[in-house]
N, C-alpha and C. Protein backbone atom coordinates (compact mmCIF):
# COMPACT_ATOMS: atom_id res chain seq x y z
N ASN A 1 6.65 3.19 -32.52
CA ASN A 1 8.00 3.74 -32.64
C ASN A 1 8.19 4.88 -31.65
N PHE A 2 9.36 5.55 -31.73
CA PHE A 2 9.65 6.60 -30.75
C PHE A 2 8.86 7.88 -31.00
N ASP A 3 8.07 7.90 -32.08
CA ASP A 3 7.16 9.02 -32.31
C ASP A 3 5.79 8.75 -31.69
N GLY A 4 5.62 7.54 -31.16
CA GLY A 4 4.36 7.18 -30.53
C GLY A 4 3.36 6.54 -31.47
N ARG A 5 3.78 6.23 -32.69
CA ARG A 5 2.86 5.63 -33.65
C ARG A 5 2.92 4.11 -33.55
N PHE A 6 1.74 3.48 -33.62
CA PHE A 6 1.68 2.02 -33.57
C PHE A 6 2.20 1.42 -34.87
N LEU A 7 3.05 0.42 -34.75
CA LEU A 7 3.56 -0.30 -35.91
C LEU A 7 2.93 -1.68 -36.03
N SER A 8 2.49 -2.21 -34.89
CA SER A 8 1.84 -3.53 -34.89
C SER A 8 1.03 -3.67 -33.60
N VAL A 9 -0.14 -4.28 -33.70
CA VAL A 9 -0.97 -4.55 -32.52
C VAL A 9 -1.53 -5.96 -32.66
N ASN A 10 -1.65 -6.66 -31.53
CA ASN A 10 -2.16 -8.02 -31.62
C ASN A 10 -3.69 -8.04 -31.51
N PRO A 11 -4.32 -9.17 -31.83
CA PRO A 11 -5.79 -9.26 -31.81
C PRO A 11 -6.42 -8.93 -30.46
N SER A 12 -5.70 -9.23 -29.38
CA SER A 12 -6.24 -8.96 -28.04
C SER A 12 -6.44 -7.46 -27.82
N VAL A 13 -5.48 -6.66 -28.29
CA VAL A 13 -5.59 -5.20 -28.17
C VAL A 13 -6.79 -4.69 -28.97
N LEU A 14 -6.92 -5.19 -30.19
CA LEU A 14 -8.02 -4.76 -31.06
C LEU A 14 -9.37 -5.10 -30.43
N LYS A 15 -9.47 -6.29 -29.86
CA LYS A 15 -10.72 -6.71 -29.24
C LYS A 15 -11.04 -5.89 -28.00
N THR A 16 -10.02 -5.63 -27.19
CA THR A 16 -10.21 -4.88 -25.95
C THR A 16 -10.63 -3.44 -26.21
N LEU A 17 -9.94 -2.78 -27.15
CA LEU A 17 -10.22 -1.37 -27.43
C LEU A 17 -11.28 -1.17 -28.50
N ASN A 18 -11.64 -2.25 -29.18
CA ASN A 18 -12.68 -2.24 -30.21
C ASN A 18 -12.33 -1.36 -31.41
N TYR A 19 -11.06 -1.35 -31.77
CA TYR A 19 -10.62 -0.66 -32.99
C TYR A 19 -10.22 -1.71 -34.02
N SER A 20 -10.25 -1.33 -35.28
CA SER A 20 -9.72 -2.20 -36.32
C SER A 20 -8.21 -2.00 -36.37
N GLU A 21 -7.53 -2.94 -36.98
CA GLU A 21 -6.07 -2.81 -37.10
C GLU A 21 -5.72 -1.57 -37.92
N GLU A 22 -6.49 -1.31 -38.95
CA GLU A 22 -6.24 -0.14 -39.80
C GLU A 22 -6.36 1.15 -38.98
N GLU A 23 -7.37 1.21 -38.11
CA GLU A 23 -7.54 2.41 -37.27
C GLU A 23 -6.38 2.57 -36.30
N MET A 24 -5.97 1.46 -35.67
CA MET A 24 -4.90 1.53 -34.68
C MET A 24 -3.58 1.97 -35.30
N LEU A 25 -3.28 1.49 -36.49
CA LEU A 25 -2.00 1.81 -37.12
C LEU A 25 -1.92 3.27 -37.57
N LYS A 26 -3.04 3.96 -37.53
CA LYS A 26 -3.05 5.39 -37.86
C LYS A 26 -3.02 6.26 -36.60
N MET A 27 -3.09 5.61 -35.43
CA MET A 27 -3.21 6.34 -34.17
C MET A 27 -1.87 6.54 -33.48
N ASN A 28 -1.83 7.55 -32.64
CA ASN A 28 -0.71 7.77 -31.73
C ASN A 28 -1.07 7.15 -30.39
N ILE A 29 -0.09 6.64 -29.68
CA ILE A 29 -0.34 5.95 -28.42
C ILE A 29 -1.07 6.83 -27.41
N ILE A 30 -0.87 8.13 -27.47
CA ILE A 30 -1.52 9.04 -26.52
C ILE A 30 -3.04 8.95 -26.64
N LYS A 31 -3.54 8.65 -27.83
CA LYS A 31 -4.98 8.66 -28.08
C LYS A 31 -5.73 7.49 -27.45
N ILE A 32 -5.01 6.47 -26.99
CA ILE A 32 -5.71 5.34 -26.36
C ILE A 32 -5.79 5.52 -24.84
N HIS A 33 -5.46 6.73 -24.39
CA HIS A 33 -5.60 7.06 -22.97
C HIS A 33 -6.67 8.13 -22.81
N PRO A 34 -7.32 8.22 -21.65
CA PRO A 34 -8.37 9.23 -21.44
C PRO A 34 -7.84 10.64 -21.71
N PRO A 35 -8.65 11.51 -22.31
CA PRO A 35 -8.22 12.88 -22.62
C PRO A 35 -7.63 13.62 -21.42
N THR A 36 -8.18 13.38 -20.24
CA THR A 36 -7.66 14.06 -19.05
C THR A 36 -6.25 13.61 -18.68
N GLN A 37 -5.81 12.49 -19.28
CA GLN A 37 -4.49 11.93 -18.97
C GLN A 37 -3.47 12.19 -20.09
N HIS A 38 -3.88 12.89 -21.14
CA HIS A 38 -3.00 13.04 -22.30
C HIS A 38 -1.67 13.72 -21.98
N ASP A 39 -1.70 14.81 -21.24
CA ASP A 39 -0.45 15.50 -20.91
C ASP A 39 0.47 14.61 -20.09
N TYR A 40 -0.13 13.93 -19.12
CA TYR A 40 0.65 13.03 -18.28
C TYR A 40 1.19 11.86 -19.10
N ALA A 41 0.35 11.31 -19.98
CA ALA A 41 0.77 10.19 -20.82
C ALA A 41 1.93 10.59 -21.72
N LEU A 42 1.91 11.81 -22.22
CA LEU A 42 3.00 12.29 -23.07
C LEU A 42 4.31 12.36 -22.30
N ARG A 43 4.24 12.85 -21.07
CA ARG A 43 5.45 12.93 -20.24
C ARG A 43 5.99 11.52 -19.94
N ILE A 44 5.08 10.61 -19.65
CA ILE A 44 5.48 9.22 -19.38
C ILE A 44 6.12 8.60 -20.61
N PHE A 45 5.52 8.85 -21.78
CA PHE A 45 6.06 8.28 -23.02
C PHE A 45 7.49 8.78 -23.27
N ARG A 46 7.71 10.05 -23.04
CA ARG A 46 9.06 10.61 -23.23
C ARG A 46 10.06 9.97 -22.28
N ASP A 47 9.63 9.72 -21.04
CA ASP A 47 10.51 9.06 -20.08
C ASP A 47 10.79 7.61 -20.48
N LEU A 48 9.79 6.96 -21.08
CA LEU A 48 9.98 5.59 -21.57
C LEU A 48 11.01 5.56 -22.69
N VAL A 49 10.90 6.50 -23.60
CA VAL A 49 11.85 6.57 -24.73
C VAL A 49 13.27 6.83 -24.22
N LYS A 50 13.38 7.68 -23.19
CA LYS A 50 14.70 8.00 -22.64
C LYS A 50 15.25 6.88 -21.75
N GLY A 51 14.39 5.90 -21.44
CA GLY A 51 14.83 4.79 -20.61
C GLY A 51 14.80 5.08 -19.12
N LYS A 52 14.13 6.16 -18.73
CA LYS A 52 14.07 6.52 -17.31
C LYS A 52 13.15 5.58 -16.53
N ILE A 53 12.12 5.06 -17.20
CA ILE A 53 11.18 4.13 -16.58
C ILE A 53 10.88 3.01 -17.58
N ASN A 54 10.25 1.94 -17.11
CA ASN A 54 9.88 0.86 -18.04
C ASN A 54 8.46 0.35 -17.82
N SER A 55 7.67 1.11 -17.05
CA SER A 55 6.28 0.69 -16.82
C SER A 55 5.43 1.90 -16.45
N CYS A 56 4.12 1.74 -16.55
CA CYS A 56 3.21 2.80 -16.13
C CYS A 56 1.83 2.20 -15.86
N ASN A 57 1.00 2.96 -15.15
CA ASN A 57 -0.35 2.51 -14.80
C ASN A 57 -1.42 3.45 -15.35
N ILE A 58 -1.16 4.07 -16.49
CA ILE A 58 -2.15 4.96 -17.09
C ILE A 58 -3.27 4.12 -17.70
N PRO A 59 -4.53 4.39 -17.36
CA PRO A 59 -5.63 3.59 -17.91
C PRO A 59 -5.78 3.77 -19.42
N LEU A 60 -6.41 2.79 -20.05
CA LEU A 60 -6.73 2.86 -21.48
C LEU A 60 -8.17 3.31 -21.65
N ILE A 61 -8.50 3.78 -22.85
CA ILE A 61 -9.87 4.15 -23.15
C ILE A 61 -10.27 3.49 -24.47
N THR A 62 -11.42 2.85 -24.48
CA THR A 62 -11.87 2.14 -25.68
C THR A 62 -12.50 3.11 -26.67
N LYS A 63 -12.85 2.58 -27.81
CA LYS A 63 -13.50 3.39 -28.84
C LYS A 63 -14.83 3.95 -28.32
N GLU A 64 -15.48 3.19 -27.42
CA GLU A 64 -16.75 3.63 -26.83
C GLU A 64 -16.54 4.46 -25.57
N GLU A 65 -15.28 4.82 -25.30
CA GLU A 65 -14.89 5.67 -24.17
C GLU A 65 -15.05 4.98 -22.82
N LYS A 66 -14.93 3.67 -22.81
CA LYS A 66 -14.91 2.92 -21.56
C LYS A 66 -13.48 2.94 -21.02
N ILE A 67 -13.34 3.25 -19.74
CA ILE A 67 -12.02 3.31 -19.11
C ILE A 67 -11.63 1.93 -18.59
N ILE A 68 -10.41 1.51 -18.89
CA ILE A 68 -9.90 0.21 -18.44
C ILE A 68 -8.59 0.42 -17.67
N PRO A 69 -8.58 0.16 -16.36
CA PRO A 69 -7.33 0.27 -15.60
C PRO A 69 -6.35 -0.81 -16.05
N VAL A 70 -5.13 -0.42 -16.35
CA VAL A 70 -4.13 -1.39 -16.79
C VAL A 70 -2.78 -1.09 -16.16
N GLU A 71 -1.95 -2.10 -16.20
CA GLU A 71 -0.54 -1.97 -15.82
C GLU A 71 0.25 -2.38 -17.06
N THR A 72 1.10 -1.49 -17.56
CA THR A 72 1.81 -1.75 -18.81
C THR A 72 3.32 -1.76 -18.59
N ILE A 73 3.97 -2.77 -19.14
CA ILE A 73 5.43 -2.91 -19.06
C ILE A 73 6.00 -2.76 -20.47
N PHE A 74 7.07 -1.98 -20.58
CA PHE A 74 7.69 -1.71 -21.88
C PHE A 74 9.13 -2.22 -21.92
N THR A 75 9.55 -2.63 -23.10
CA THR A 75 10.96 -2.95 -23.35
C THR A 75 11.36 -2.33 -24.68
N LYS A 76 12.61 -1.91 -24.78
CA LYS A 76 13.11 -1.34 -26.02
C LYS A 76 13.56 -2.45 -26.96
N GLY A 77 13.46 -2.19 -28.27
CA GLY A 77 13.90 -3.17 -29.25
C GLY A 77 13.97 -2.57 -30.63
N ARG A 78 14.06 -3.43 -31.64
CA ARG A 78 14.13 -2.99 -33.03
C ARG A 78 12.98 -3.62 -33.81
N TRP A 79 12.41 -2.84 -34.74
CA TRP A 79 11.32 -3.32 -35.60
C TRP A 79 11.44 -2.61 -36.94
N ASP A 80 11.61 -3.38 -38.00
CA ASP A 80 11.77 -2.79 -39.33
C ASP A 80 12.89 -1.74 -39.34
N ASP A 81 14.02 -2.11 -38.74
CA ASP A 81 15.21 -1.26 -38.74
C ASP A 81 15.02 0.08 -38.04
N GLN A 82 14.14 0.13 -37.06
CA GLN A 82 14.00 1.36 -36.27
C GLN A 82 13.83 1.01 -34.80
N ASP A 83 14.23 1.95 -33.95
CA ASP A 83 14.08 1.75 -32.51
C ASP A 83 12.61 1.85 -32.13
N VAL A 84 12.16 0.91 -31.31
CA VAL A 84 10.75 0.89 -30.92
C VAL A 84 10.60 0.51 -29.45
N LEU A 85 9.38 0.65 -28.97
CA LEU A 85 9.00 0.17 -27.64
C LEU A 85 7.99 -0.95 -27.81
N PHE A 86 8.24 -2.07 -27.15
CA PHE A 86 7.27 -3.16 -27.11
C PHE A 86 6.53 -3.06 -25.78
N GLY A 87 5.21 -3.03 -25.84
CA GLY A 87 4.42 -2.89 -24.61
C GLY A 87 3.45 -4.04 -24.40
N ILE A 88 3.33 -4.45 -23.14
CA ILE A 88 2.36 -5.48 -22.76
C ILE A 88 1.52 -4.92 -21.62
N SER A 89 0.20 -4.83 -21.85
CA SER A 89 -0.71 -4.29 -20.84
C SER A 89 -1.51 -5.41 -20.19
N ARG A 90 -1.74 -5.26 -18.89
CA ARG A 90 -2.53 -6.24 -18.14
C ARG A 90 -3.68 -5.51 -17.46
N ASP A 91 -4.89 -5.99 -17.67
CA ASP A 91 -6.08 -5.41 -17.05
C ASP A 91 -6.02 -5.66 -15.54
N ILE A 92 -6.06 -4.58 -14.75
CA ILE A 92 -5.97 -4.73 -13.29
C ILE A 92 -7.28 -4.36 -12.60
N THR A 93 -8.38 -4.41 -13.35
CA THR A 93 -9.68 -4.06 -12.77
C THR A 93 -10.00 -4.91 -11.56
N GLU A 94 -9.85 -6.23 -11.69
CA GLU A 94 -10.18 -7.13 -10.58
C GLU A 94 -9.27 -6.89 -9.38
N ARG A 95 -8.00 -6.61 -9.65
CA ARG A 95 -7.07 -6.35 -8.55
C ARG A 95 -7.47 -5.09 -7.78
N LEU A 96 -7.85 -4.04 -8.51
CA LEU A 96 -8.26 -2.79 -7.87
C LEU A 96 -9.54 -2.99 -7.06
N LEU A 97 -10.47 -3.78 -7.59
CA LEU A 97 -11.70 -4.07 -6.86
C LEU A 97 -11.40 -4.84 -5.58
N ALA A 98 -10.47 -5.80 -5.68
CA ALA A 98 -10.09 -6.58 -4.50
C ALA A 98 -9.42 -5.69 -3.46
N GLU A 99 -8.56 -4.77 -3.92
CA GLU A 99 -7.89 -3.85 -3.00
C GLU A 99 -8.90 -2.93 -2.32
N GLN A 100 -9.93 -2.52 -3.07
CA GLN A 100 -10.97 -1.66 -2.50
C GLN A 100 -11.75 -2.41 -1.43
N LYS A 101 -12.05 -3.69 -1.69
CA LYS A 101 -12.77 -4.50 -0.70
C LYS A 101 -11.94 -4.68 0.56
N ILE A 102 -10.64 -4.89 0.37
CA ILE A 102 -9.74 -5.04 1.52
C ILE A 102 -9.71 -3.75 2.33
N LYS A 103 -9.64 -2.63 1.62
CA LYS A 103 -9.62 -1.33 2.29
C LYS A 103 -10.89 -1.10 3.10
N GLU A 104 -12.04 -1.44 2.50
CA GLU A 104 -13.31 -1.27 3.19
C GLU A 104 -13.39 -2.19 4.40
N SER A 105 -12.87 -3.42 4.24
CA SER A 105 -12.87 -4.37 5.35
C SER A 105 -11.98 -3.87 6.48
N GLU A 106 -10.81 -3.31 6.12
CA GLU A 106 -9.90 -2.78 7.13
C GLU A 106 -10.52 -1.60 7.87
N GLU A 107 -11.28 -0.77 7.15
CA GLU A 107 -11.93 0.38 7.78
C GLU A 107 -12.97 -0.08 8.80
N LYS A 108 -13.73 -1.13 8.45
CA LYS A 108 -14.71 -1.67 9.39
C LYS A 108 -14.00 -2.25 10.61
N TYR A 109 -12.90 -2.94 10.36
CA TYR A 109 -12.11 -3.53 11.44
C TYR A 109 -11.57 -2.45 12.35
N ARG A 110 -11.09 -1.35 11.75
CA ARG A 110 -10.57 -0.23 12.54
C ARG A 110 -11.67 0.38 13.42
N ASN A 111 -12.86 0.50 12.86
CA ASN A 111 -13.97 1.07 13.63
C ASN A 111 -14.29 0.22 14.85
N ILE A 112 -14.21 -1.11 14.67
CA ILE A 112 -14.45 -2.01 15.81
C ILE A 112 -13.36 -1.83 16.86
N LEU A 113 -12.10 -1.81 16.41
CA LEU A 113 -10.98 -1.67 17.34
C LEU A 113 -11.02 -0.32 18.05
N GLU A 114 -11.51 0.69 17.34
CA GLU A 114 -11.55 2.03 17.91
C GLU A 114 -12.48 2.10 19.11
N ASN A 115 -13.51 1.29 19.11
CA ASN A 115 -14.55 1.42 20.13
C ASN A 115 -14.61 0.29 21.15
N ILE A 116 -13.68 -0.66 21.09
CA ILE A 116 -13.68 -1.72 22.10
C ILE A 116 -13.22 -1.16 23.44
N GLU A 117 -13.66 -1.80 24.51
CA GLU A 117 -13.35 -1.33 25.86
C GLU A 117 -12.05 -1.95 26.39
N GLU A 118 -11.03 -1.91 25.59
CA GLU A 118 -9.69 -2.29 26.03
C GLU A 118 -8.69 -1.62 25.11
N GLY A 119 -7.48 -1.48 25.60
CA GLY A 119 -6.46 -0.81 24.81
C GLY A 119 -6.00 -1.65 23.64
N TYR A 120 -5.86 -1.01 22.51
CA TYR A 120 -5.31 -1.69 21.33
C TYR A 120 -4.49 -0.67 20.55
N PHE A 121 -3.32 -1.10 20.09
CA PHE A 121 -2.49 -0.20 19.29
C PHE A 121 -1.59 -1.01 18.37
N GLU A 122 -1.04 -0.34 17.38
CA GLU A 122 -0.13 -0.96 16.43
C GLU A 122 1.14 -0.13 16.35
N LEU A 123 2.25 -0.83 16.15
CA LEU A 123 3.56 -0.20 16.10
C LEU A 123 4.28 -0.59 14.82
N ASP A 124 5.11 0.31 14.32
CA ASP A 124 5.96 -0.09 13.20
C ASP A 124 7.08 -0.97 13.75
N LEU A 125 7.94 -1.45 12.90
CA LEU A 125 8.97 -2.39 13.34
C LEU A 125 10.04 -1.75 14.21
N LYS A 126 10.01 -0.42 14.33
CA LYS A 126 10.94 0.28 15.23
C LYS A 126 10.32 0.52 16.60
N GLY A 127 9.02 0.16 16.73
CA GLY A 127 8.35 0.34 18.02
C GLY A 127 7.61 1.65 18.16
N ASN A 128 7.39 2.36 17.05
CA ASN A 128 6.67 3.64 17.09
C ASN A 128 5.19 3.42 16.78
N TYR A 129 4.34 4.17 17.47
CA TYR A 129 2.90 4.04 17.26
C TYR A 129 2.50 4.39 15.82
N THR A 130 1.67 3.53 15.22
CA THR A 130 1.08 3.84 13.91
C THR A 130 -0.45 3.87 14.01
N PHE A 131 -1.00 3.25 15.05
CA PHE A 131 -2.44 3.28 15.30
C PHE A 131 -2.67 3.14 16.79
N VAL A 132 -3.59 3.95 17.31
CA VAL A 132 -3.94 3.91 18.74
C VAL A 132 -5.45 4.03 18.85
N ASN A 133 -6.08 3.14 19.61
CA ASN A 133 -7.53 3.30 19.75
C ASN A 133 -7.87 4.26 20.89
N LYS A 134 -9.13 4.61 20.98
CA LYS A 134 -9.59 5.63 21.92
C LYS A 134 -9.28 5.25 23.37
N TYR A 135 -9.52 3.99 23.71
CA TYR A 135 -9.31 3.53 25.08
C TYR A 135 -7.85 3.71 25.50
N HIS A 136 -6.93 3.35 24.62
CA HIS A 136 -5.51 3.43 24.95
C HIS A 136 -5.05 4.88 25.10
N SER A 137 -5.49 5.75 24.21
CA SER A 137 -5.07 7.16 24.31
C SER A 137 -5.70 7.83 25.53
N ASN A 138 -6.95 7.46 25.85
CA ASN A 138 -7.60 8.03 27.03
C ASN A 138 -6.89 7.62 28.31
N TYR A 139 -6.36 6.41 28.31
CA TYR A 139 -5.65 5.93 29.50
C TYR A 139 -4.49 6.86 29.84
N TYR A 140 -3.74 7.27 28.83
CA TYR A 140 -2.59 8.14 29.05
C TYR A 140 -2.97 9.62 29.05
N GLY A 141 -4.20 9.92 28.62
CA GLY A 141 -4.61 11.31 28.56
C GLY A 141 -3.89 12.09 27.49
N VAL A 142 -3.46 11.38 26.44
CA VAL A 142 -2.74 12.00 25.34
C VAL A 142 -3.55 11.82 24.06
N PRO A 143 -3.82 12.90 23.31
CA PRO A 143 -4.57 12.76 22.05
C PRO A 143 -3.90 11.75 21.12
N LYS A 144 -4.72 11.01 20.39
CA LYS A 144 -4.19 9.97 19.52
C LYS A 144 -3.16 10.50 18.52
N ASP A 145 -3.47 11.66 17.91
CA ASP A 145 -2.55 12.18 16.89
C ASP A 145 -1.21 12.59 17.47
N GLU A 146 -1.16 12.83 18.80
CA GLU A 146 0.11 13.16 19.43
C GLU A 146 0.91 11.91 19.79
N MET A 147 0.22 10.77 19.86
CA MET A 147 0.91 9.51 20.17
C MET A 147 1.50 8.88 18.91
N ILE A 148 0.85 9.12 17.77
CA ILE A 148 1.33 8.53 16.52
C ILE A 148 2.76 9.00 16.23
N GLY A 149 3.63 8.03 15.96
CA GLY A 149 5.03 8.35 15.67
C GLY A 149 5.93 8.33 16.89
N LYS A 150 5.31 8.30 18.10
CA LYS A 150 6.11 8.27 19.32
C LYS A 150 6.52 6.83 19.65
N TYR A 151 7.63 6.70 20.35
CA TYR A 151 8.15 5.38 20.73
C TYR A 151 7.31 4.81 21.86
N TYR A 152 6.79 3.62 21.64
CA TYR A 152 5.86 2.99 22.59
C TYR A 152 6.43 2.87 24.00
N ALA A 153 7.68 2.43 24.11
CA ALA A 153 8.26 2.16 25.43
C ALA A 153 8.45 3.43 26.25
N ASP A 154 8.38 4.60 25.62
CA ASP A 154 8.52 5.85 26.36
C ASP A 154 7.31 6.11 27.25
N PHE A 155 6.23 5.36 27.05
CA PHE A 155 5.02 5.56 27.83
C PHE A 155 4.92 4.60 29.02
N VAL A 156 5.92 3.75 29.20
CA VAL A 156 5.92 2.84 30.35
C VAL A 156 7.11 3.16 31.23
N ASP A 157 7.11 2.65 32.45
CA ASP A 157 8.21 2.92 33.37
C ASP A 157 9.53 2.40 32.80
N GLN A 158 10.60 3.13 33.08
CA GLN A 158 11.91 2.85 32.50
C GLN A 158 12.38 1.41 32.73
N LYS A 159 12.06 0.86 33.89
CA LYS A 159 12.58 -0.46 34.24
C LYS A 159 12.03 -1.57 33.34
N TYR A 160 10.99 -1.26 32.54
CA TYR A 160 10.40 -2.29 31.68
C TYR A 160 10.89 -2.21 30.23
N LYS A 161 11.66 -1.18 29.90
CA LYS A 161 12.06 -0.98 28.50
C LYS A 161 12.89 -2.15 27.96
N LYS A 162 13.86 -2.61 28.75
CA LYS A 162 14.71 -3.70 28.29
C LYS A 162 13.89 -4.97 28.10
N MET A 163 12.96 -5.22 29.02
CA MET A 163 12.12 -6.41 28.92
C MET A 163 11.25 -6.35 27.66
N LEU A 164 10.68 -5.17 27.38
CA LEU A 164 9.84 -5.02 26.20
C LEU A 164 10.63 -5.22 24.91
N PHE A 165 11.86 -4.71 24.90
CA PHE A 165 12.70 -4.89 23.71
C PHE A 165 12.94 -6.37 23.45
N LYS A 166 13.21 -7.14 24.50
CA LYS A 166 13.45 -8.57 24.34
C LYS A 166 12.20 -9.29 23.83
N ILE A 167 11.04 -8.89 24.35
CA ILE A 167 9.78 -9.53 23.93
C ILE A 167 9.50 -9.25 22.46
N PHE A 168 9.61 -7.98 22.07
CA PHE A 168 9.32 -7.62 20.68
C PHE A 168 10.35 -8.23 19.73
N ASN A 169 11.59 -8.28 20.16
CA ASN A 169 12.64 -8.87 19.33
C ASN A 169 12.39 -10.36 19.10
N GLN A 170 11.94 -11.04 20.15
CA GLN A 170 11.65 -12.47 20.03
C GLN A 170 10.46 -12.70 19.10
N VAL A 171 9.42 -11.88 19.24
CA VAL A 171 8.24 -11.99 18.37
C VAL A 171 8.65 -11.76 16.91
N TYR A 172 9.53 -10.78 16.70
CA TYR A 172 9.99 -10.47 15.34
C TYR A 172 10.77 -11.64 14.74
N ARG A 173 11.67 -12.21 15.52
CA ARG A 173 12.53 -13.28 15.01
C ARG A 173 11.76 -14.59 14.80
N GLU A 174 10.89 -14.93 15.75
CA GLU A 174 10.22 -16.23 15.70
C GLU A 174 8.86 -16.19 15.01
N GLU A 175 8.34 -14.97 14.81
CA GLU A 175 7.04 -14.78 14.15
C GLU A 175 5.92 -15.54 14.84
N VAL A 176 5.96 -15.53 16.16
CA VAL A 176 4.89 -16.15 16.96
C VAL A 176 4.45 -15.14 18.01
N PRO A 177 3.18 -15.17 18.43
CA PRO A 177 2.70 -14.23 19.45
C PRO A 177 3.44 -14.42 20.76
N SER A 178 3.56 -13.34 21.50
CA SER A 178 4.22 -13.42 22.80
C SER A 178 3.28 -14.02 23.83
N ALA A 179 3.86 -14.49 24.92
CA ALA A 179 3.05 -14.86 26.08
C ALA A 179 2.56 -13.56 26.72
N THR A 180 1.56 -13.65 27.57
CA THR A 180 1.07 -12.46 28.27
C THR A 180 2.16 -11.93 29.20
N PHE A 181 2.37 -10.63 29.16
CA PHE A 181 3.39 -10.02 30.02
C PHE A 181 2.78 -8.86 30.79
N GLU A 182 3.46 -8.43 31.85
CA GLU A 182 2.98 -7.33 32.67
C GLU A 182 3.97 -6.17 32.65
N VAL A 183 3.45 -4.97 32.53
CA VAL A 183 4.27 -3.76 32.63
C VAL A 183 3.52 -2.73 33.47
N GLU A 184 4.27 -1.81 34.02
CA GLU A 184 3.66 -0.75 34.82
C GLU A 184 3.74 0.56 34.05
N ALA A 185 2.61 1.24 33.96
CA ALA A 185 2.55 2.51 33.24
C ALA A 185 1.91 3.56 34.13
N THR A 186 2.25 4.81 33.88
CA THR A 186 1.70 5.91 34.66
C THR A 186 0.65 6.65 33.85
N ARG A 187 -0.55 6.74 34.39
CA ARG A 187 -1.63 7.44 33.71
C ARG A 187 -1.38 8.94 33.71
N TYR A 188 -2.21 9.65 32.93
CA TYR A 188 -2.07 11.10 32.83
C TYR A 188 -2.28 11.80 34.16
N ASP A 189 -3.05 11.16 35.09
CA ASP A 189 -3.31 11.78 36.39
C ASP A 189 -2.31 11.35 37.45
N GLY A 190 -1.24 10.65 37.02
CA GLY A 190 -0.19 10.26 37.95
C GLY A 190 -0.38 8.90 38.59
N VAL A 191 -1.52 8.29 38.37
CA VAL A 191 -1.80 6.98 38.95
C VAL A 191 -1.04 5.90 38.18
N LYS A 192 -0.31 5.06 38.92
CA LYS A 192 0.41 3.96 38.29
C LYS A 192 -0.49 2.73 38.21
N ARG A 193 -0.34 1.99 37.13
CA ARG A 193 -1.16 0.81 36.97
C ARG A 193 -0.36 -0.28 36.27
N VAL A 194 -0.48 -1.49 36.78
CA VAL A 194 0.14 -2.64 36.13
C VAL A 194 -0.89 -3.26 35.19
N TYR A 195 -0.53 -3.43 33.94
CA TYR A 195 -1.48 -4.05 33.02
C TYR A 195 -0.82 -5.20 32.27
N GLU A 196 -1.66 -6.11 31.82
CA GLU A 196 -1.19 -7.25 31.04
C GLU A 196 -1.30 -6.93 29.55
N GLY A 197 -0.38 -7.45 28.78
CA GLY A 197 -0.41 -7.21 27.35
C GLY A 197 0.07 -8.42 26.57
N THR A 198 -0.26 -8.46 25.31
CA THR A 198 0.25 -9.48 24.40
C THR A 198 0.71 -8.78 23.13
N CYS A 199 1.68 -9.38 22.47
CA CYS A 199 2.23 -8.78 21.26
C CYS A 199 2.21 -9.81 20.13
N ASN A 200 1.87 -9.35 18.95
CA ASN A 200 1.85 -10.22 17.78
C ASN A 200 2.49 -9.49 16.61
N LEU A 201 2.89 -10.25 15.61
CA LEU A 201 3.53 -9.68 14.42
C LEU A 201 2.57 -9.78 13.25
N LYS A 202 2.42 -8.68 12.52
CA LYS A 202 1.54 -8.65 11.35
C LYS A 202 2.38 -8.70 10.09
N LEU A 203 2.00 -9.59 9.16
CA LEU A 203 2.69 -9.68 7.88
C LEU A 203 1.85 -8.98 6.82
N ASP A 204 2.51 -8.43 5.79
CA ASP A 204 1.76 -7.80 4.72
C ASP A 204 1.32 -8.85 3.71
N SER A 205 0.68 -8.40 2.62
CA SER A 205 0.13 -9.33 1.63
C SER A 205 1.21 -10.14 0.92
N ASN A 206 2.47 -9.69 1.01
CA ASN A 206 3.57 -10.41 0.38
C ASN A 206 4.31 -11.31 1.37
N GLY A 207 3.77 -11.39 2.59
CA GLY A 207 4.40 -12.23 3.60
C GLY A 207 5.58 -11.60 4.30
N LYS A 208 5.79 -10.29 4.10
CA LYS A 208 6.90 -9.60 4.75
C LYS A 208 6.45 -9.03 6.10
N LYS A 209 7.37 -9.00 7.03
CA LYS A 209 7.06 -8.46 8.36
C LYS A 209 6.69 -6.99 8.22
N ASN A 210 5.54 -6.64 8.80
CA ASN A 210 5.00 -5.31 8.54
C ASN A 210 4.89 -4.44 9.79
N ARG A 211 4.26 -4.98 10.86
CA ARG A 211 4.08 -4.17 12.07
C ARG A 211 3.73 -5.07 13.25
N PHE A 212 3.80 -4.47 14.45
CA PHE A 212 3.43 -5.18 15.67
C PHE A 212 2.01 -4.78 16.07
N LEU A 213 1.27 -5.75 16.61
CA LEU A 213 -0.06 -5.51 17.15
C LEU A 213 -0.03 -5.82 18.64
N GLN A 214 -0.66 -4.98 19.44
CA GLN A 214 -0.69 -5.26 20.87
C GLN A 214 -2.02 -4.85 21.46
N SER A 215 -2.50 -5.64 22.39
CA SER A 215 -3.72 -5.30 23.12
C SER A 215 -3.46 -5.48 24.60
N ASN A 216 -4.22 -4.73 25.40
CA ASN A 216 -4.14 -4.86 26.85
C ASN A 216 -5.46 -4.43 27.45
N PRO A 217 -5.87 -5.01 28.57
CA PRO A 217 -7.14 -4.66 29.20
C PRO A 217 -7.16 -3.20 29.62
């Protein structure tokens, strides 16, 4: 109910948390979360009652104090002539482990890209740098952190900007890698160099267009 007291729990909850139904019906919802999360859980519960939110990711804690990461969705309703919240929790342990593995894999991939002997960088969909490897930043003589957020085409000669826009726009629309193209760029020491590059589009885990990838010798 809106006081946080359990009115009904299904067998799955009892099995997961290892409480009896009698024990659960005497408990407040705050008590099934880790003690360090109690204040936060109370604020979330109040927002749920007010209808400001309808879900949360606060972990559960079992009778044996085992922490279980969950994602819980709530809906308002009526039970025994009183306003209540119905909640459904889903264990997201495997999802978090998978995300951690992906993160570790991406870090290894980044380390490889960082040290290859050719330029590699990534751009957001507006054409701004989001990742630059050592080789590429050294070519321009600009620290990597100063390149991040800058517009990529500003680092090449002006006459190539329109061509680059057309290439990136085509890659975005057709979702296919570009053919190899040539542009002229000026190094930090004033030396001009023509280099070849290719552009590809990266999709996120949901299949949405996420960023551009480009490499050049």
